[in-house]
PDB file of N, CA and C in Angstrom:
ATOM      1  N   UNK A   1      30.546  27.988  57.516  1.00  0.00           N
ATOM      2  CA  UNK A   1      30.462  28.143  56.132  1.00  0.00           C
ATOM      3  C   UNK A   1      30.834  26.837  55.347  1.00  0.00           C
ATOM      4  N   UNK A   2      31.829  26.149  55.780  1.00  0.00           N
ATOM      5  CA  UNK A   2      32.316  24.844  55.189  1.00  0.00           C
ATOM      6  C   UNK A   2      31.112  23.806  55.405  1.00  0.00           C
ATOM      7  N   UNK A   3      30.454  23.785  56.514  1.00  0.00           N
ATOM      8  CA  UNK A   3      29.539  22.870  56.713  1.00  0.00           C
ATOM      9  C   UNK A   3      28.364  23.036  55.902  1.00  0.00           C
ATOM     10  N   UNK A   4      27.999  24.251  55.501  1.00  0.00           N
ATOM     11  CA  UNK A   4      26.831  24.511  54.584  1.00  0.00           C
ATOM     12  C   UNK A   4      27.248  24.022  53.139  1.00  0.00           C
ATOM     13  N   UNK A   5      28.522  24.323  52.796  1.00  0.00           N
ATOM     14  CA  UNK A   5      28.996  23.821  51.460  1.00  0.00           C
ATOM     15  C   UNK A   5      29.059  22.305  51.350  1.00  0.00           C
ATOM     16  N   UNK A   6      29.425  21.695  52.456  1.00  0.00           N
ATOM     17  CA  UNK A   6      29.515  20.242  52.490  1.00  0.00           C
ATOM     18  C   UNK A   6      28.225  19.689  52.363  1.00  0.00           C
ATOM     19  N   UNK A   7      27.217  20.326  52.948  1.00  0.00           N
ATOM     20  CA  UNK A   7      25.730  19.800  53.005  1.00  0.00           C
ATOM     21  C   UNK A   7      25.220  20.009  51.492  1.00  0.00           C
ATOM     22  N   UNK A   8      25.590  21.077  50.831  1.00  0.00           N
ATOM     23  CA  UNK A   8      25.086  21.288  49.384  1.00  0.00           C
ATOM     24  C   UNK A   8      25.821  20.389  48.606  1.00  0.00           C
ATOM     25  N   UNK A   9      27.108  20.100  48.773  1.00  0.00           N
ATOM     26  CA  UNK A   9      27.801  19.121  47.898  1.00  0.00           C
ATOM     27  C   UNK A   9      27.353  17.682  48.141  1.00  0.00           C
ATOM     28  N   UNK A  10      26.953  17.474  49.268  1.00  0.00           N
ATOM     29  CA  UNK A  10      26.484  16.044  49.672  1.00  0.00           C
ATOM     30  C   UNK A  10      25.093  15.689  49.159  1.00  0.00           C
ATOM     31  N   UNK A  11      24.254  16.746  49.037  1.00  0.00           N
ATOM     32  CA  UNK A  11      22.853  16.538  48.549  1.00  0.00           C
ATOM     33  C   UNK A  11      22.793  16.109  47.102  1.00  0.00           C
ATOM     34  N   UNK A  12      21.913  15.098  46.901  1.00  0.00           N
ATOM     35  CA  UNK A  12      21.739  14.666  45.514  1.00  0.00           C
ATOM     36  C   UNK A  12      21.092  15.773  44.657  1.00  0.00           C
ATOM     37  N   UNK A  13      21.592  15.967  43.529  1.00  0.00           N
ATOM     38  CA  UNK A  13      21.072  16.985  42.625  1.00  0.00           C
ATOM     39  C   UNK A  13      19.676  16.647  42.110  1.00  0.00           C
ATOM     40  N   UNK A  14      18.734  17.548  42.094  1.00  0.00           N
ATOM     41  CA  UNK A  14      17.507  17.289  41.507  1.00  0.00           C
ATOM     42  C   UNK A  14      16.474  16.871  42.505  1.00  0.00           C
ATOM     43  N   UNK A  15      16.904  16.444  43.687  1.00  0.00           N
ATOM     44  CA  UNK A  15      15.804  15.933  44.631  1.00  0.00           C
ATOM     45  C   UNK A  15      15.811  16.785  45.918  1.00  0.00           C
ATOM     46  N   UNK A  16      14.616  17.188  46.218  1.00  0.00           N
ATOM     47  CA  UNK A  16      14.480  17.877  47.410  1.00  0.00           C
ATOM     48  C   UNK A  16      14.595  19.351  47.235  1.00  0.00           C
ATOM     49  N   UNK A  17      14.906  19.801  46.059  1.00  0.00           N
ATOM     50  CA  UNK A  17      15.089  21.344  45.918  1.00  0.00           C
ATOM     51  C   UNK A  17      13.692  21.892  45.351  1.00  0.00           C
ATOM     52  N   UNK A  18      12.852  22.384  46.202  1.00  0.00           N
ATOM     53  CA  UNK A  18      11.746  22.958  45.735  1.00  0.00           C
ATOM     54  C   UNK A  18      10.637  21.991  45.370  1.00  0.00           C
ATOM     55  N   UNK A  19       9.915  22.068  44.209  1.00  0.00           N
ATOM     56  CA  UNK A  19       8.918  21.214  43.771  1.00  0.00           C
ATOM     57  C   UNK A  19       9.319  20.065  42.995  1.00  0.00           C
ATOM     58  N   UNK A  20      10.479  19.919  42.768  1.00  0.00           N
ATOM     59  CA  UNK A  20      10.981  18.873  41.851  1.00  0.00           C
ATOM     60  C   UNK A  20      11.117  19.223  40.396  1.00  0.00           C
ATOM     61  N   UNK A  21      11.153  18.247  39.474  1.00  0.00           N
ATOM     62  CA  UNK A  21      11.483  18.624  38.120  1.00  0.00           C
ATOM     63  C   UNK A  21      10.311  19.309  37.420  1.00  0.00           C
ATOM     64  N   UNK A  22       9.133  18.995  37.860  1.00  0.00           N
ATOM     65  CA  UNK A  22       7.899  19.734  37.282  1.00  0.00           C
ATOM     66  C   UNK A  22       7.630  18.939  35.877  1.00  0.00           C
ATOM     67  N   UNK A  23       6.935  19.657  35.075  1.00  0.00           N
ATOM     68  CA  UNK A  23       6.441  18.996  33.767  1.00  0.00           C
ATOM     69  C   UNK A  23       7.528  18.936  32.766  1.00  0.00           C
ATOM     70  N   UNK A  24       8.773  19.588  33.070  1.00  0.00           N
ATOM     71  CA  UNK A  24       9.810  19.766  31.919  1.00  0.00           C
ATOM     72  C   UNK A  24      10.352  18.536  31.525  1.00  0.00           C
ATOM     73  N   UNK A  25      10.190  17.323  32.413  1.00  0.00           N
ATOM     74  CA  UNK A  25      10.848  16.090  31.910  1.00  0.00           C
ATOM     75  C   UNK A  25      10.064  15.625  30.595  1.00  0.00           C
ATOM     76  N   UNK A  26       8.936  16.183  30.354  1.00  0.00           N
ATOM     77  CA  UNK A  26       8.152  15.675  29.082  1.00  0.00           C
ATOM     78  C   UNK A  26       8.641  16.416  27.956  1.00  0.00           C
ATOM     79  N   UNK A  27       9.432  17.405  27.999  1.00  0.00           N
ATOM     80  CA  UNK A  27       9.851  18.155  26.918  1.00  0.00           C
ATOM     81  C   UNK A  27      10.624  17.361  25.804  1.00  0.00           C
ATOM     82  N   UNK A  28      11.592  16.540  26.304  1.00  0.00           N
ATOM     83  CA  UNK A  28      12.420  15.730  25.452  1.00  0.00           C
ATOM     84  C   UNK A  28      11.586  14.783  24.593  1.00  0.00           C
ATOM     85  N   UNK A  29      10.769  13.944  25.286  1.00  0.00           N
ATOM     86  CA  UNK A  29       9.936  12.979  24.544  1.00  0.00           C
ATOM     87  C   UNK A  29       9.004  13.617  23.551  1.00  0.00           C
ATOM     88  N   UNK A  30       8.377  14.828  23.919  1.00  0.00           N
ATOM     89  CA  UNK A  30       7.527  15.538  22.981  1.00  0.00           C
ATOM     90  C   UNK A  30       8.265  16.080  21.829  1.00  0.00           C
ATOM     91  N   UNK A  31       9.451  16.650  22.055  1.00  0.00           N
ATOM     92  CA  UNK A  31      10.273  17.112  20.984  1.00  0.00           C
ATOM     93  C   UNK A  31      10.591  16.148  20.033  1.00  0.00           C
ATOM     94  N   UNK A  32      10.981  14.861  20.415  1.00  0.00           N
ATOM     95  CA  UNK A  32      11.327  13.809  19.447  1.00  0.00           C
ATOM     96  C   UNK A  32      10.186  13.250  18.714  1.00  0.00           C
ATOM     97  N   UNK A  33       9.103  13.096  19.400  1.00  0.00           N
ATOM     98  CA  UNK A  33       7.823  12.831  18.792  1.00  0.00           C
ATOM     99  C   UNK A  33       7.451  13.825  17.638  1.00  0.00           C
ATOM    100  N   UNK A  34       7.605  15.126  17.916  1.00  0.00           N
ATOM    101  CA  UNK A  34       7.331  16.135  16.968  1.00  0.00           C
ATOM    102  C   UNK A  34       8.319  16.037  15.816  1.00  0.00           C
ATOM    103  N   UNK A  35       9.600  15.732  16.030  1.00  0.00           N
ATOM    104  CA  UNK A  35      10.536  15.603  14.924  1.00  0.00           C
ATOM    105  C   UNK A  35      10.136  14.322  14.051  1.00  0.00           C
ATOM    106  N   UNK A  36       9.780  13.256  14.709  1.00  0.00           N
ATOM    107  CA  UNK A  36       9.313  12.121  13.930  1.00  0.00           C
ATOM    108  C   UNK A  36       8.097  12.412  13.093  1.00  0.00           C
ATOM    109  N   UNK A  37       7.076  13.109  13.679  1.00  0.00           N
ATOM    110  CA  UNK A  37       5.860  13.477  12.982  1.00  0.00           C
ATOM    111  C   UNK A  37       6.163  14.295  11.794  1.00  0.00           C
ATOM    112  N   UNK A  38       7.166  15.266  11.902  1.00  0.00           N
ATOM    113  CA  UNK A  38       7.462  16.161  10.756  1.00  0.00           C
ATOM    114  C   UNK A  38       8.179  15.344   9.681  1.00  0.00           C
ATOM    115  N   UNK A  39       9.078  14.361  10.074  1.00  0.00           N
ATOM    116  CA  UNK A  39       9.535  13.566   9.065  1.00  0.00           C
ATOM    117  C   UNK A  39       8.524  12.650   8.224  1.00  0.00           C
ATOM    118  N   UNK A  40       7.457  12.224   9.016  1.00  0.00           N
ATOM    119  CA  UNK A  40       6.509  11.444   8.284  1.00  0.00           C
ATOM    120  C   UNK A  40       5.699  12.333   7.424  1.00  0.00           C
ATOM    121  N   UNK A  41       5.354  13.515   7.971  1.00  0.00           N
ATOM    122  CA  UNK A  41       4.587  14.407   7.050  1.00  0.00           C
ATOM    123  C   UNK A  41       5.303  14.809   5.709  1.00  0.00           C
ATOM    124  N   UNK A  42       6.453  15.259   5.939  1.00  0.00           N
ATOM    125  CA  UNK A  42       7.233  15.704   4.743  1.00  0.00           C
ATOM    126  C   UNK A  42       7.722  14.567   3.903  1.00  0.00           C
ATOM    127  N   UNK A  43       7.822  13.391   4.395  1.00  0.00           N
ATOM    128  CA  UNK A  43       8.237  12.172   3.624  1.00  0.00           C
ATOM    129  C   UNK A  43       6.986  11.797   2.851  1.00  0.00           C
ATOM    130  N   UNK A  44       5.709  11.868   3.420  1.00  0.00           N
ATOM    131  CA  UNK A  44       4.604  11.517   2.617  1.00  0.00           C
ATOM    132  C   UNK A  44       4.281  12.486   1.540  1.00  0.00           C
ATOM    133  N   UNK A  45       4.548  13.721   1.808  1.00  0.00           N
ATOM    134  CA  UNK A  45       4.417  14.703   0.729  1.00  0.00           C
ATOM    135  C   UNK A  45       5.295  14.450  -0.405  1.00  0.00           C
ATOM    136  N   UNK A  46       6.583  14.085  -0.099  1.00  0.00           N
ATOM    137  CA  UNK A  46       7.577  13.778  -1.210  1.00  0.00           C
ATOM    138  C   UNK A  46       7.142  12.603  -1.993  1.00  0.00           C
ATOM    139  N   UNK A  47       6.698  11.631  -1.353  1.00  0.00           N
ATOM    140  CA  UNK A  47       6.308  10.325  -1.946  1.00  0.00           C
ATOM    141  C   UNK A  47       5.163  10.692  -2.823  1.00  0.00           C
ATOM    142  N   UNK A  48       4.157  11.345  -2.401  1.00  0.00           N
ATOM    143  CA  UNK A  48       3.038  11.584  -3.169  1.00  0.00           C
ATOM    144  C   UNK A  48       3.373  12.493  -4.383  1.00  0.00           C
ATOM    145  N   UNK A  49       4.283  13.335  -4.254  1.00  0.00           N
ATOM    146  CA  UNK A  49       4.555  14.128  -5.238  1.00  0.00           C
ATOM    147  C   UNK A  49       5.394  13.383  -6.414  1.00  0.00           C
ATOM    148  N   UNK A  50       6.324  12.454  -5.803  1.00  0.00           N
ATOM    149  CA  UNK A  50       7.038  11.435  -6.881  1.00  0.00           C
ATOM    150  C   UNK A  50       5.995  10.547  -7.597  1.00  0.00           C
ATOM    151  N   UNK A  51       5.006  10.160  -6.784  1.00  0.00           N
ATOM    152  CA  UNK A  51       3.928   9.267  -7.465  1.00  0.00           C
ATOM    153  C   UNK A  51       3.195   9.969  -8.478  1.00  0.00           C
ATOM    154  N   UNK A  52       2.818  11.171  -8.283  1.00  0.00           N
ATOM    155  CA  UNK A  52       2.079  11.965  -9.079  1.00  0.00           C
ATOM    156  C   UNK A  52       2.838  12.365 -10.356  1.00  0.00           C
ATOM    157  N   UNK A  53       4.048  12.566 -10.116  1.00  0.00           N
ATOM    158  CA  UNK A  53       4.983  13.021 -11.286  1.00  0.00           C
ATOM    159  C   UNK A  53       5.252  11.903 -12.194  1.00  0.00           C
ATOM    160  N   UNK A  54       5.407  10.716 -11.719  1.00  0.00           N
ATOM    161  CA  UNK A  54       5.833   9.602 -12.519  1.00  0.00           C
ATOM    162  C   UNK A  54       4.701   8.701 -12.799  1.00  0.00           C
ATOM    163  N   UNK A  55       3.467   9.007 -12.472  1.00  0.00           N
ATOM    164  CA  UNK A  55       2.304   8.112 -12.862  1.00  0.00           C
ATOM    165  C   UNK A  55       2.089   6.877 -11.983  1.00  0.00           C
ATOM    166  N   UNK A  56       2.621   6.833 -10.887  1.00  0.00           N
ATOM    167  CA  UNK A  56       2.367   5.727  -9.988  1.00  0.00           C
ATOM    168  C   UNK A  56       3.588   4.851  -9.839  1.00  0.00           C
ATOM    169  N   UNK A  57       3.485   3.807  -9.055  1.00  0.00           N
ATOM    170  CA  UNK A  57       4.521   2.870  -8.688  1.00  0.00           C
ATOM    171  C   UNK A  57       4.297   1.618  -9.465  1.00  0.00           C
ATOM    172  N   UNK A  58       5.444   0.970  -9.850  1.00  0.00           N
ATOM    173  CA  UNK A  58       5.340  -0.285 -10.395  1.00  0.00           C
ATOM    174  C   UNK A  58       5.353  -0.225 -11.967  1.00  0.00           C
ATOM    175  N   UNK A  59       5.530  -1.319 -12.668  1.00  0.00           N
ATOM    176  CA  UNK A  59       5.686  -1.342 -13.998  1.00  0.00           C
ATOM    177  C   UNK A  59       4.582  -0.822 -14.894  1.00  0.00           C
ATOM    178  N   UNK A  60       3.232  -1.058 -14.402  1.00  0.00           N
ATOM    179  CA  UNK A  60       2.132  -0.624 -15.119  1.00  0.00           C
ATOM    180  C   UNK A  60       1.890   0.925 -15.003  1.00  0.00           C
ATOM    181  N   UNK A  61       2.456   1.517 -14.062  1.00  0.00           N
ATOM    182  CA  UNK A  61       2.276   3.024 -13.862  1.00  0.00           C
ATOM    183  C   UNK A  61       3.305   3.846 -14.407  1.00  0.00           C
ATOM    184  N   UNK A  62       4.588   3.637 -13.773  1.00  0.00           N
ATOM    185  CA  UNK A  62       5.631   4.601 -14.049  1.00  0.00           C
ATOM    186  C   UNK A  62       6.182   4.509 -15.669  1.00  0.00           C
ATOM    187  N   UNK A  63       6.491   3.204 -15.995  1.00  0.00           N
ATOM    188  CA  UNK A  63       6.897   3.235 -17.384  1.00  0.00           C
ATOM    189  C   UNK A  63       6.025   3.608 -18.432  1.00  0.00           C
ATOM    190  N   UNK A  64       4.751   3.281 -18.399  1.00  0.00           N
ATOM    191  CA  UNK A  64       3.848   3.660 -19.505  1.00  0.00           C
ATOM    192  C   UNK A  64       3.645   5.195 -19.399  1.00  0.00           C
ATOM    193  N   UNK A  65       3.534   5.714 -18.287  1.00  0.00           N
ATOM    194  CA  UNK A  65       3.078   7.152 -18.135  1.00  0.00           C
ATOM    195  C   UNK A  65       4.411   7.923 -18.587  1.00  0.00           C
ATOM    196  N   UNK A  66       5.426   7.535 -18.203  1.00  0.00           N
ATOM    197  CA  UNK A  66       6.703   8.330 -18.579  1.00  0.00           C
ATOM    198  C   UNK A  66       7.009   8.217 -20.013  1.00  0.00           C
ATOM    199  N   UNK A  67       6.608   7.107 -20.636  1.00  0.00           N
ATOM    200  CA  UNK A  67       6.836   7.104 -22.183  1.00  0.00           C
ATOM    201  C   UNK A  67       5.704   7.921 -22.857  1.00  0.00           C
ATOM    202  N   UNK A  68       4.487   7.937 -22.309  1.00  0.00           N
ATOM    203  CA  UNK A  68       3.545   8.785 -23.009  1.00  0.00           C
ATOM    204  C   UNK A  68       3.791  10.121 -22.804  1.00  0.00           C
ATOM    205  N   UNK A  69       4.419  10.504 -21.575  1.00  0.00           N
ATOM    206  CA  UNK A  69       4.827  11.954 -21.356  1.00  0.00           C
ATOM    207  C   UNK A  69       6.052  12.405 -22.314  1.00  0.00           C
ATOM    208  N   UNK A  70       6.874  11.455 -22.642  1.00  0.00           N
ATOM    209  CA  UNK A  70       7.983  11.777 -23.521  1.00  0.00           C
ATOM    210  C   UNK A  70       7.554  11.975 -24.844  1.00  0.00           C
ATOM    211  N   UNK A  71       6.569  11.077 -25.333  1.00  0.00           N
ATOM    212  CA  UNK A  71       5.886  11.145 -26.578  1.00  0.00           C
ATOM    213  C   UNK A  71       5.151  12.403 -26.778  1.00  0.00           C
ATOM    214  N   UNK A  72       4.440  12.828 -25.703  1.00  0.00           N
ATOM    215  CA  UNK A  72       3.641  14.170 -25.802  1.00  0.00           C
ATOM    216  C   UNK A  72       4.631  15.296 -25.910  1.00  0.00           C
ATOM    217  N   UNK A  73       5.768  15.169 -25.150  1.00  0.00           N
ATOM    218  CA  UNK A  73       6.633  16.304 -25.170  1.00  0.00           C
ATOM    219  C   UNK A  73       7.266  16.402 -26.493  1.00  0.00           C
ATOM    220  N   UNK A  74       7.697  15.296 -27.174  1.00  0.00           N
ATOM    221  CA  UNK A  74       8.251  15.426 -28.434  1.00  0.00           C
ATOM    222  C   UNK A  74       7.324  15.994 -29.514  1.00  0.00           C
ATOM    223  N   UNK A  75       5.991  15.506 -29.255  1.00  0.00           N
ATOM    224  CA  UNK A  75       5.059  16.096 -30.236  1.00  0.00           C
ATOM    225  C   UNK A  75       4.845  17.572 -30.025  1.00  0.00           C
ATOM    226  N   UNK A  76       4.891  18.061 -28.771  1.00  0.00           N
ATOM    227  CA  UNK A  76       4.704  19.474 -28.483  1.00  0.00           C
ATOM    228  C   UNK A  76       5.899  20.195 -29.029  1.00  0.00           C
ATOM    229  N   UNK A  77       7.056  19.680 -29.067  1.00  0.00           N
ATOM    230  CA  UNK A  77       8.249  20.394 -29.627  1.00  0.00           C
ATOM    231  C   UNK A  77       8.253  20.415 -31.107  1.00  0.00           C
ATOM    232  N   UNK A  78       7.388  19.620 -31.811  1.00  0.00           N
ATOM    233  CA  UNK A  78       7.419  19.662 -33.119  1.00  0.00           C
ATOM    234  C   UNK A  78       8.240  18.545 -33.747  1.00  0.00           C
ATOM    235  N   UNK A  79       8.784  17.652 -33.025  1.00  0.00           N
ATOM    236  CA  UNK A  79       9.697  16.579 -33.514  1.00  0.00           C
ATOM    237  C   UNK A  79       8.943  15.534 -34.196  1.00  0.00           C
ATOM    238  N   UNK A  80       7.599  15.436 -33.916  1.00  0.00           N
ATOM    239  CA  UNK A  80       6.819  14.389 -34.558  1.00  0.00           C
ATOM    240  C   UNK A  80       5.535  15.067 -35.096  1.00  0.00           C
ATOM    241  N   UNK A  81       5.085  14.682 -36.284  1.00  0.00           N
ATOM    242  CA  UNK A  81       3.806  15.130 -36.804  1.00  0.00           C
ATOM    243  C   UNK A  81       2.677  14.368 -36.141  1.00  0.00           C
ATOM    244  N   UNK A  82       1.488  14.735 -36.423  1.00  0.00           N
ATOM    245  CA  UNK A  82       0.279  14.268 -35.640  1.00  0.00           C
ATOM    246  C   UNK A  82       0.076  12.654 -36.022  1.00  0.00           C
ATOM    247  N   UNK A  83       0.299  12.324 -37.290  1.00  0.00           N
ATOM    248  CA  UNK A  83      -0.025  10.962 -37.690  1.00  0.00           C
ATOM    249  C   UNK A  83       1.021  10.110 -36.942  1.00  0.00           C
ATOM    250  N   UNK A  84       2.272  10.448 -36.925  1.00  0.00           N
ATOM    251  CA  UNK A  84       3.307   9.641 -36.180  1.00  0.00           C
ATOM    252  C   UNK A  84       3.086   9.498 -34.747  1.00  0.00           C
ATOM    253  N   UNK A  85       2.614  10.756 -34.133  1.00  0.00           N
ATOM    254  CA  UNK A  85       2.340  10.791 -32.730  1.00  0.00           C
ATOM    255  C   UNK A  85       1.084   9.751 -32.447  1.00  0.00           C
ATOM    256  N   UNK A  86       0.197   9.814 -33.214  1.00  0.00           N
ATOM    257  CA  UNK A  86      -1.045   8.895 -32.918  1.00  0.00           C
ATOM    258  C   UNK A  86      -0.623   7.438 -33.140  1.00  0.00           C
ATOM    259  N   UNK A  87       0.208   7.161 -34.074  1.00  0.00           N
ATOM    260  CA  UNK A  87       0.556   5.761 -34.368  1.00  0.00           C
ATOM    261  C   UNK A  87       1.519   5.249 -33.152  1.00  0.00           C
ATOM    262  N   UNK A  88       2.302   6.083 -32.770  1.00  0.00           N
ATOM    263  CA  UNK A  88       3.097   5.688 -31.670  1.00  0.00           C
ATOM    264  C   UNK A  88       2.340   5.471 -30.342  1.00  0.00           C
ATOM    265  N   UNK A  89       1.466   6.418 -30.111  1.00  0.00           N
ATOM    266  CA  UNK A  89       0.635   6.285 -28.969  1.00  0.00           C
ATOM    267  C   UNK A  89      -0.272   5.106 -28.832  1.00  0.00           C
ATOM    268  N   UNK A  90      -0.777   4.706 -30.144  1.00  0.00           N
ATOM    269  CA  UNK A  90      -1.540   3.511 -30.143  1.00  0.00           C
ATOM    270  C   UNK A  90      -0.681   2.263 -29.863  1.00  0.00           C
ATOM    271  N   UNK A  91       0.536   2.270 -30.354  1.00  0.00           N
ATOM    272  CA  UNK A  91       1.438   1.107 -30.005  1.00  0.00           C
ATOM    273  C   UNK A  91       1.701   1.065 -28.492  1.00  0.00           C
ATOM    274  N   UNK A  92       1.911   2.321 -27.923  1.00  0.00           N
ATOM    275  CA  UNK A  92       2.149   2.350 -26.432  1.00  0.00           C
ATOM    276  C   UNK A  92       1.017   1.741 -25.724  1.00  0.00           C
ATOM    277  N   UNK A  93      -0.281   2.206 -26.084  1.00  0.00           N
ATOM    278  CA  UNK A  93      -1.535   1.794 -25.392  1.00  0.00           C
ATOM    279  C   UNK A  93      -1.835   0.367 -25.618  1.00  0.00           C
ATOM    280  N   UNK A  94      -1.385  -0.262 -26.781  1.00  0.00           N
ATOM    281  CA  UNK A  94      -1.653  -1.740 -27.056  1.00  0.00           C
ATOM    282  C   UNK A  94      -0.692  -2.572 -26.176  1.00  0.00           C
ATOM    283  N   UNK A  95       0.424  -2.061 -26.036  1.00  0.00           N
ATOM    284  CA  UNK A  95       1.571  -2.839 -25.348  1.00  0.00           C
ATOM    285  C   UNK A  95       1.628  -2.704 -23.841  1.00  0.00           C
ATOM    286  N   UNK A  96       0.838  -1.687 -23.352  1.00  0.00           N
ATOM    287  CA  UNK A  96       0.776  -1.393 -21.960  1.00  0.00           C
ATOM    288  C   UNK A  96       0.163  -2.583 -21.089  1.00  0.00           C
ATOM    289  N   UNK A  97       0.630  -2.989 -20.041  1.00  0.00           N
ATOM    290  CA  UNK A  97       0.016  -3.970 -19.148  1.00  0.00           C
ATOM    291  C   UNK A  97      -1.269  -3.523 -18.762  1.00  0.00           C
ATOM    292  N   UNK A  98      -2.347  -4.408 -18.709  1.00  0.00           N
ATOM    293  CA  UNK A  98      -3.617  -4.092 -18.275  1.00  0.00           C
ATOM    294  C   UNK A  98      -3.700  -4.191 -16.768  1.00  0.00           C
ATOM    295  N   UNK A  99      -4.436  -3.312 -16.051  1.00  0.00           N
ATOM    296  CA  UNK A  99      -4.543  -3.633 -14.641  1.00  0.00           C
ATOM    297  C   UNK A  99      -5.606  -4.700 -14.409  1.00  0.00           C
ATOM    298  N   UNK A 100      -5.290  -5.532 -13.394  1.00  0.00           N
ATOM    299  CA  UNK A 100      -6.137  -6.658 -13.015  1.00  0.00           C
ATOM    300  C   UNK A 100      -7.241  -6.250 -12.087  1.00  0.00           C
ATOM    301  N   UNK A 101      -8.378  -6.821 -12.425  1.00  0.00           N
ATOM    302  CA  UNK A 101      -9.599  -6.445 -11.620  1.00  0.00           C
ATOM    303  C   UNK A 101      -9.810  -7.462 -10.492  1.00  0.00           C
TER     304      UNK A 101
END
């Protein structure tokens, strides 16, 4: 009995017992690739949602669009009348940086 226990204890674990590790050694790399892919997918969705909400990246997109949105919101709440809204909108559009072609 002791000789069989000594043989089991001396045998290197994972080698020579049946068919070997099989395809299970691929599980860990595939798991982490899946986690990274999910982070990229959900990160891209959040970035696109932020971009759509704020009117784009950079000074020509975000600042102008958010100012126009605030102006439209104030007009919708009744804080501005139509003449004042149109006058302020013209000023915003005139001072907005033009995109380069």
